[in-house]
PDB file of N, CA and C in Angstrom:
ATOM      1  N   MET A   1      16.896  22.570  18.559  1.00  0.00           N
ATOM      2  CA  MET A   1      16.510  21.238  18.164  1.00  0.00           C
ATOM      3  C   MET A   1      17.356  20.208  18.916  1.00  0.00           C
ATOM      4  N   ALA A   2      18.637  20.485  19.049  1.00  0.00           N
ATOM      5  CA  ALA A   2      19.510  19.564  19.775  1.00  0.00           C
ATOM      6  C   ALA A   2      19.064  19.440  21.224  1.00  0.00           C
ATOM      7  N   ASP A   3      18.606  20.554  21.803  1.00  0.00           N
ATOM      8  CA  ASP A   3      18.115  20.511  23.186  1.00  0.00           C
ATOM      9  C   ASP A   3      16.901  19.599  23.304  1.00  0.00           C
ATOM     10  N   THR A   4      16.008  19.668  22.333  1.00  0.00           N
ATOM     11  CA  THR A   4      14.808  18.834  22.345  1.00  0.00           C
ATOM     12  C   THR A   4      15.187  17.357  22.284  1.00  0.00           C
ATOM     13  N   VAL A   5      16.146  17.038  21.437  1.00  0.00           N
ATOM     14  CA  VAL A   5      16.616  15.655  21.317  1.00  0.00           C
ATOM     15  C   VAL A   5      17.233  15.207  22.637  1.00  0.00           C
ATOM     16  N   ARG A   6      18.088  16.042  23.181  1.00  0.00           N
ATOM     17  CA  ARG A   6      18.748  15.711  24.446  1.00  0.00           C
ATOM     18  C   ARG A   6      17.722  15.501  25.556  1.00  0.00           C
ATOM     19  N   GLN A   7      16.713  16.362  25.622  1.00  0.00           N
ATOM     20  CA  GLN A   7      15.670  16.243  26.645  1.00  0.00           C
ATOM     21  C   GLN A   7      14.889  14.938  26.490  1.00  0.00           C
ATOM     22  N   ALA A   8      14.607  14.555  25.253  1.00  0.00           N
ATOM     23  CA  ALA A   8      13.877  13.304  25.014  1.00  0.00           C
ATOM     24  C   ALA A   8      14.681  12.109  25.505  1.00  0.00           C
ATOM     25  N   VAL A   9      15.987  12.139  25.290  1.00  0.00           N
ATOM     26  CA  VAL A   9      16.852  11.046  25.755  1.00  0.00           C
ATOM     27  C   VAL A   9      16.920  11.057  27.279  1.00  0.00           C
ATOM     28  N   GLU A  10      17.113  12.236  27.862  1.00  0.00           N
ATOM     29  CA  GLU A  10      17.206  12.341  29.321  1.00  0.00           C
ATOM     30  C   GLU A  10      15.909  11.926  30.009  1.00  0.00           C
ATOM     31  N   ALA A  11      14.773  12.168  29.341  1.00  0.00           N
ATOM     32  CA  ALA A  11      13.470  11.800  29.908  1.00  0.00           C
ATOM     33  C   ALA A  11      13.186  10.306  29.757  1.00  0.00           C
ATOM     34  N   GLY A  12      14.045   9.613  29.032  1.00  0.00           N
ATOM     35  CA  GLY A  12      13.858   8.179  28.865  1.00  0.00           C
ATOM     36  C   GLY A  12      12.959   7.803  27.702  1.00  0.00           C
ATOM     37  N   GLU A  13      12.588   8.788  26.892  1.00  0.00           N
ATOM     38  CA  GLU A  13      11.749   8.493  25.725  1.00  0.00           C
ATOM     39  C   GLU A  13      12.532   7.703  24.678  1.00  0.00           C
ATOM     40  N   TYR A  14      13.829   7.939  24.637  1.00  0.00           N
ATOM     41  CA  TYR A  14      14.723   7.257  23.705  1.00  0.00           C
ATOM     42  C   TYR A  14      15.977   6.859  24.454  1.00  0.00           C
ATOM     43  N   ALA A  15      16.641   5.815  23.961  1.00  0.00           N
ATOM     44  CA  ALA A  15      17.870   5.346  24.605  1.00  0.00           C
ATOM     45  C   ALA A  15      19.073   6.198  24.216  1.00  0.00           C
ATOM     46  N   SER A  16      19.029   6.783  23.015  1.00  0.00           N
ATOM     47  CA  SER A  16      20.172   7.575  22.547  1.00  0.00           C
ATOM     48  C   SER A  16      19.705   8.604  21.522  1.00  0.00           C
ATOM     49  N   THR A  17      20.599   9.547  21.238  1.00  0.00           N
ATOM     50  CA  THR A  17      20.273  10.542  20.211  1.00  0.00           C
ATOM     51  C   THR A  17      20.159   9.874  18.846  1.00  0.00           C
ATOM     52  N   SER A  18      20.934   8.824  18.618  1.00  0.00           N
ATOM     53  CA  SER A  18      20.846   8.091  17.345  1.00  0.00           C
ATOM     54  C   SER A  18      19.459   7.488  17.162  1.00  0.00           C
ATOM     55  N   GLU A  19      18.889   7.014  18.257  1.00  0.00           N
ATOM     56  CA  GLU A  19      17.548   6.439  18.188  1.00  0.00           C
ATOM     57  C   GLU A  19      16.526   7.516  17.819  1.00  0.00           C
ATOM     58  N   VAL A  20      16.715   8.718  18.350  1.00  0.00           N
ATOM     59  CA  VAL A  20      15.824   9.835  18.008  1.00  0.00           C
ATOM     60  C   VAL A  20      15.923  10.125  16.518  1.00  0.00           C
ATOM     61  N   VAL A  21      17.140  10.181  16.016  1.00  0.00           N
ATOM     62  CA  VAL A  21      17.352  10.469  14.592  1.00  0.00           C
ATOM     63  C   VAL A  21      16.741   9.371  13.729  1.00  0.00           C
ATOM     64  N   ARG A  22      16.935   8.115  14.105  1.00  0.00           N
ATOM     65  CA  ARG A  22      16.345   7.003  13.329  1.00  0.00           C
ATOM     66  C   ARG A  22      14.821   7.104  13.302  1.00  0.00           C
ATOM     67  N   ASP A  23      14.234   7.416  14.452  1.00  0.00           N
ATOM     68  CA  ASP A  23      12.777   7.553  14.527  1.00  0.00           C
ATOM     69  C   ASP A  23      12.301   8.713  13.651  1.00  0.00           C
ATOM     70  N   ALA A  24      13.039   9.822  13.702  1.00  0.00           N
ATOM     71  CA  ALA A  24      12.684  10.983  12.881  1.00  0.00           C
ATOM     72  C   ALA A  24      12.783  10.649  11.397  1.00  0.00           C
ATOM     73  N   LEU A  25      13.814   9.906  11.022  1.00  0.00           N
ATOM     74  CA  LEU A  25      13.966   9.517   9.617  1.00  0.00           C
ATOM     75  C   LEU A  25      12.854   8.576   9.166  1.00  0.00           C
ATOM     76  N   ARG A  26      12.461   7.654  10.035  1.00  0.00           N
ATOM     77  CA  ARG A  26      11.344   6.752   9.695  1.00  0.00           C
ATOM     78  C   ARG A  26      10.064   7.552   9.490  1.00  0.00           C
ATOM     79  N   LEU A  27       9.820   8.510  10.373  1.00  0.00           N
ATOM     80  CA  LEU A  27       8.632   9.351  10.254  1.00  0.00           C
ATOM     81  C   LEU A  27       8.679  10.174   8.972  1.00  0.00           C
ATOM     82  N   TRP A  28       9.835  10.740   8.676  1.00  0.00           N
ATOM     83  CA  TRP A  28      10.002  11.537   7.466  1.00  0.00           C
ATOM     84  C   TRP A  28       9.744  10.692   6.216  1.00  0.00           C
ATOM     85  N   GLU A  29      10.306   9.491   6.198  1.00  0.00           N
ATOM     86  CA  GLU A  29      10.107   8.599   5.054  1.00  0.00           C
ATOM     87  C   GLU A  29       8.639   8.211   4.914  1.00  0.00           C
ATOM     88  N   SER A  30       7.993   7.960   6.027  1.00  0.00           N
ATOM     89  CA  SER A  30       6.570   7.623   6.005  1.00  0.00           C
ATOM     90  C   SER A  30       5.755   8.775   5.424  1.00  0.00           C
ATOM     91  N   ARG A  31       6.066   9.988   5.841  1.00  0.00           N
ATOM     92  CA  ARG A  31       5.355  11.160   5.316  1.00  0.00           C
ATOM     93  C   ARG A  31       5.608  11.332   3.826  1.00  0.00           C
ATOM     94  N   ARG A  32       6.840  11.076   3.386  1.00  0.00           N
ATOM     95  CA  ARG A  32       7.155  11.163   1.955  1.00  0.00           C
ATOM     96  C   ARG A  32       6.323  10.167   1.164  1.00  0.00           C
ATOM     97  N   GLN A  33       6.235   8.942   1.673  1.00  0.00           N
ATOM     98  CA  GLN A  33       5.458   7.911   0.983  1.00  0.00           C
ATOM     99  C   GLN A  33       3.981   8.285   0.927  1.00  0.00           C
ATOM    100  N   LEU A  34       3.456   8.820   2.024  1.00  0.00           N
ATOM    101  CA  LEU A  34       2.055   9.245   2.030  1.00  0.00           C
ATOM    102  C   LEU A  34       1.827  10.367   1.028  1.00  0.00           C
ATOM    103  N   ARG A  35       2.756  11.310   0.966  1.00  0.00           N
ATOM    104  CA  ARG A  35       2.633  12.423   0.028  1.00  0.00           C
ATOM    105  C   ARG A  35       2.657  11.905  -1.405  1.00  0.00           C
ATOM    106  N   GLU A  36       3.569  10.979  -1.691  1.00  0.00           N
ATOM    107  CA  GLU A  36       3.637  10.393  -3.034  1.00  0.00           C
ATOM    108  C   GLU A  36       2.335   9.685  -3.381  1.00  0.00           C
ATOM    109  N   ARG A  37       1.781   8.947  -2.412  1.00  0.00           N
ATOM    110  CA  ARG A  37       0.516   8.254  -2.635  1.00  0.00           C
ATOM    111  C   ARG A  37      -0.604   9.258  -2.904  1.00  0.00           C
ATOM    112  N   ASP A  38      -0.630  10.342  -2.130  1.00  0.00           N
ATOM    113  CA  ASP A  38      -1.660  11.358  -2.315  1.00  0.00           C
ATOM    114  C   ASP A  38      -1.550  12.029  -3.679  1.00  0.00           C
ATOM    115  N   VAL A  39      -0.327  12.304  -4.112  1.00  0.00           N
ATOM    116  CA  VAL A  39      -0.123  12.918  -5.428  1.00  0.00           C
ATOM    117  C   VAL A  39      -0.596  11.972  -6.527  1.00  0.00           C
ATOM    118  N   GLU A  40      -0.268  10.699  -6.403  1.00  0.00           N
ATOM    119  CA  GLU A  40      -0.705   9.716  -7.404  1.00  0.00           C
ATOM    120  C   GLU A  40      -2.225   9.609  -7.435  1.00  0.00           C
ATOM    121  N   LEU A  41      -2.850   9.593  -6.273  1.00  0.00           N
ATOM    122  CA  LEU A  41      -4.308   9.540  -6.208  1.00  0.00           C
ATOM    123  C   LEU A  41      -4.920  10.780  -6.853  1.00  0.00           C
ATOM    124  N   LEU A  42      -4.332  11.933  -6.594  1.00  0.00           N
ATOM    125  CA  LEU A  42      -4.815  13.170  -7.203  1.00  0.00           C
ATOM    126  C   LEU A  42      -4.683  13.114  -8.721  1.00  0.00           C
ATOM    127  N   ARG A  43      -3.559  12.584  -9.203  1.00  0.00           N
ATOM    128  CA  ARG A  43      -3.379  12.442 -10.659  1.00  0.00           C
ATOM    129  C   ARG A  43      -4.449  11.530 -11.255  1.00  0.00           C
ATOM    130  N   GLN A  44      -4.711  10.417 -10.581  1.00  0.00           N
ATOM    131  CA  GLN A  44      -5.724   9.485 -11.074  1.00  0.00           C
ATOM    132  C   GLN A  44      -7.096  10.147 -11.119  1.00  0.00           C
ATOM    133  N   ARG A  45      -7.423  10.870 -10.069  1.00  0.00           N
ATOM    134  CA  ARG A  45      -8.732  11.540 -10.031  1.00  0.00           C
ATOM    135  C   ARG A  45      -8.814  12.647 -11.073  1.00  0.00           C
ATOM    136  N   TRP A  46      -7.713  13.352 -11.284  1.00  0.00           N
ATOM    137  CA  TRP A  46      -7.676  14.392 -12.310  1.00  0.00           C
ATOM    138  C   TRP A  46      -7.927  13.766 -13.681  1.00  0.00           C
ATOM    139  N   ASP A  47      -7.223  12.687 -13.977  1.00  0.00           N
ATOM    140  CA  ASP A  47      -7.393  12.007 -15.259  1.00  0.00           C
ATOM    141  C   ASP A  47      -8.817  11.483 -15.423  1.00  0.00           C
ATOM    142  N   ALA A  48      -9.375  10.911 -14.360  1.00  0.00           N
ATOM    143  CA  ALA A  48     -10.749  10.399 -14.426  1.00  0.00           C
ATOM    144  C   ALA A  48     -11.729  11.541 -14.668  1.00  0.00           C
ATOM    145  N   GLY A  49     -11.494  12.659 -14.020  1.00  0.00           N
ATOM    146  CA  GLY A  49     -12.365  13.814 -14.213  1.00  0.00           C
ATOM    147  C   GLY A  49     -12.295  14.340 -15.634  1.00  0.00           C
ATOM    148  N   LYS A  50     -11.082  14.430 -16.166  1.00  0.00           N
ATOM    149  CA  LYS A  50     -10.929  14.891 -17.548  1.00  0.00           C
ATOM    150  C   LYS A  50     -11.608  13.933 -18.516  1.00  0.00           C
ATOM    151  N   ALA A  51     -11.476  12.642 -18.250  1.00  0.00           N
ATOM    152  CA  ALA A  51     -12.047  11.635 -19.148  1.00  0.00           C
ATOM    153  C   ALA A  51     -13.572  11.610 -19.090  1.00  0.00           C
ATOM    154  N   SER A  52     -14.141  12.094 -17.990  1.00  0.00           N
ATOM    155  CA  SER A  52     -15.596  12.036 -17.843  1.00  0.00           C
ATOM    156  C   SER A  52     -16.313  13.101 -18.665  1.00  0.00           C
ATOM    157  N   GLY A  53     -15.572  14.052 -19.201  1.00  0.00           N
ATOM    158  CA  GLY A  53     -16.183  15.062 -20.051  1.00  0.00           C
ATOM    159  C   GLY A  53     -16.628  16.287 -19.274  1.00  0.00           C
ATOM    160  N   ILE A  54     -17.293  17.174 -19.978  1.00  0.00           N
ATOM    161  CA  ILE A  54     -17.744  18.434 -19.389  1.00  0.00           C
ATOM    162  C   ILE A  54     -18.966  18.175 -18.515  1.00  0.00           C
ATOM    163  N   ALA A  55     -18.939  18.708 -17.314  1.00  0.00           N
ATOM    164  CA  ALA A  55     -20.020  18.473 -16.353  1.00  0.00           C
ATOM    165  C   ALA A  55     -21.164  19.461 -16.517  1.00  0.00           C
ATOM    166  N   GLY A  56     -20.929  20.547 -17.187  1.00  0.00           N
ATOM    167  CA  GLY A  56     -21.960  21.559 -17.345  1.00  0.00           C
ATOM    168  C   GLY A  56     -21.655  22.776 -16.493  1.00  0.00           C
ATOM    169  N   PRO A  57     -22.654  23.655 -16.349  1.00  0.00           N
ATOM    170  CA  PRO A  57     -22.432  24.884 -15.581  1.00  0.00           C
ATOM    171  C   PRO A  57     -22.060  24.563 -14.131  1.00  0.00           C
ATOM    172  N   LEU A  58     -21.253  25.420 -13.561  1.00  0.00           N
ATOM    173  CA  LEU A  58     -20.762  25.208 -12.210  1.00  0.00           C
ATOM    174  C   LEU A  58     -21.178  26.375 -11.323  1.00  0.00           C
ATOM    175  N   ASN A  59     -21.856  26.059 -10.223  1.00  0.00           N
ATOM    176  CA  ASN A  59     -22.265  27.068  -9.251  1.00  0.00           C
ATOM    177  C   ASN A  59     -21.248  27.049  -8.117  1.00  0.00           C
ATOM    178  N   MET A  60     -20.277  27.958  -8.170  1.00  0.00           N
ATOM    179  CA  MET A  60     -19.183  27.951  -7.196  1.00  0.00           C
ATOM    180  C   MET A  60     -19.673  28.198  -5.774  1.00  0.00           C
ATOM    181  N   LYS A  61     -20.648  29.074  -5.589  1.00  0.00           N
ATOM    182  CA  LYS A  61     -21.148  29.341  -4.235  1.00  0.00           C
ATOM    183  C   LYS A  61     -21.740  28.075  -3.622  1.00  0.00           C
ATOM    184  N   ALA A  62     -22.518  27.346  -4.408  1.00  0.00           N
ATOM    185  CA  ALA A  62     -23.115  26.102  -3.912  1.00  0.00           C
ATOM    186  C   ALA A  62     -22.036  25.053  -3.660  1.00  0.00           C
ATOM    187  N   LEU A  63     -21.053  24.980  -4.533  1.00  0.00           N
ATOM    188  CA  LEU A  63     -19.962  24.022  -4.377  1.00  0.00           C
ATOM    189  C   LEU A  63     -19.176  24.292  -3.093  1.00  0.00           C
ATOM    190  N   ILE A  64     -18.845  25.547  -2.858  1.00  0.00           N
ATOM    191  CA  ILE A  64     -18.097  25.918  -1.651  1.00  0.00           C
ATOM    192  C   ILE A  64     -18.928  25.642  -0.406  1.00  0.00           C
ATOM    193  N   ALA A  65     -20.207  25.982  -0.434  1.00  0.00           N
ATOM    194  CA  ALA A  65     -21.081  25.731   0.719  1.00  0.00           C
ATOM    195  C   ALA A  65     -21.172  24.241   1.017  1.00  0.00           C
ATOM    196  N   ASP A  66     -21.272  23.433  -0.027  1.00  0.00           N
ATOM    197  CA  ASP A  66     -21.346  21.982   0.151  1.00  0.00           C
ATOM    198  C   ASP A  66     -20.060  21.438   0.775  1.00  0.00           C
ATOM    199  N   GLU A  67     -18.916  21.884   0.299  1.00  0.00           N
ATOM    200  CA  GLU A  67     -17.635  21.418   0.847  1.00  0.00           C
ATOM    201  C   GLU A  67     -17.454  21.869   2.290  1.00  0.00           C
ATOM    202  N   ARG A  68     -17.878  23.075   2.605  1.00  0.00           N
ATOM    203  CA  ARG A  68     -17.784  23.543   3.996  1.00  0.00           C
ATOM    204  C   ARG A  68     -18.677  22.712   4.906  1.00  0.00           C
ATOM    205  N   ALA A  69     -19.847  22.342   4.417  1.00  0.00           N
ATOM    206  CA  ALA A  69     -20.750  21.500   5.207  1.00  0.00           C
ATOM    207  C   ALA A  69     -20.125  20.127   5.445  1.00  0.00           C
ATOM    208  N   LYS A  70     -19.483  19.571   4.423  1.00  0.00           N
ATOM    209  CA  LYS A  70     -18.803  18.279   4.576  1.00  0.00           C
ATOM    210  C   LYS A  70     -17.674  18.385   5.596  1.00  0.00           C
ATOM    211  N   ASP A  71     -16.894  19.468   5.519  1.00  0.00           N
ATOM    212  CA  ASP A  71     -15.798  19.668   6.473  1.00  0.00           C
ATOM    213  C   ASP A  71     -16.327  19.789   7.895  1.00  0.00           C
ATOM    214  N   ALA A  72     -17.429  20.514   8.073  1.00  0.00           N
ATOM    215  CA  ALA A  72     -18.019  20.685   9.403  1.00  0.00           C
ATOM    216  C   ALA A  72     -18.504  19.346   9.949  1.00  0.00           C
ATOM    217  N   LYS A  73     -19.093  18.525   9.079  1.00  0.00           N
ATOM    218  CA  LYS A  73     -19.572  17.212   9.503  1.00  0.00           C
ATOM    219  C   LYS A  73     -18.402  16.333   9.948  1.00  0.00           C
ATOM    220  N   LYS A  74     -17.301  16.363   9.194  1.00  0.00           N
ATOM    221  CA  LYS A  74     -16.116  15.593   9.567  1.00  0.00           C
ATOM    222  C   LYS A  74     -15.556  16.077  10.901  1.00  0.00           C
ATOM    223  N   ALA A  75     -15.547  17.391  11.098  1.00  0.00           N
ATOM    224  CA  ALA A  75     -15.024  17.953  12.346  1.00  0.00           C
ATOM    225  C   ALA A  75     -15.879  17.523  13.532  1.00  0.00           C
ATOM    226  N   ARG A  76     -17.196  17.476  13.338  1.00  0.00           N
ATOM    227  CA  ARG A  76     -18.084  17.043  14.428  1.00  0.00           C
ATOM    228  C   ARG A  76     -17.840  15.575  14.768  1.00  0.00           C
ATOM    229  N   LYS A  77     -17.581  14.745  13.756  1.00  0.00           N
ATOM    230  CA  LYS A  77     -17.319  13.325  13.997  1.00  0.00           C
ATOM    231  C   LYS A  77     -16.033  13.131  14.792  1.00  0.00           C
ATOM    232  N   ARG A  78     -15.024  13.985  14.502  1.00  0.00           N
ATOM    233  CA  ARG A  78     -13.750  13.886  15.210  1.00  0.00           C
ATOM    234  C   ARG A  78     -13.880  14.345  16.654  1.00  0.00           C
ATOM    235  N   GLY A  79     -14.896  15.172  16.905  1.00  0.00           N
ATOM    236  CA  GLY A  79     -15.156  15.610  18.272  1.00  0.00           C
ATOM    237  C   GLY A  79     -14.392  16.797  18.604  1.00  0.00           C
TER     238      GLY A  79
END
């Protein structure tokens, strides 16, 4: 890891190793905040789902097929 940092500085990507560390910490903090936001959103959706009551019988094969189709569509959009 130290070699990677040193190479980034030598390549001119960063002015110093401290700058690399600061950038890494900013990225880490950003990821933490995104994760916290995602967890909160999941909690809200979980609570909303529970509050909406029983949905009825669940066809897992159809549900999985539908989600896979959605994932494939998103992948095609990304190219």
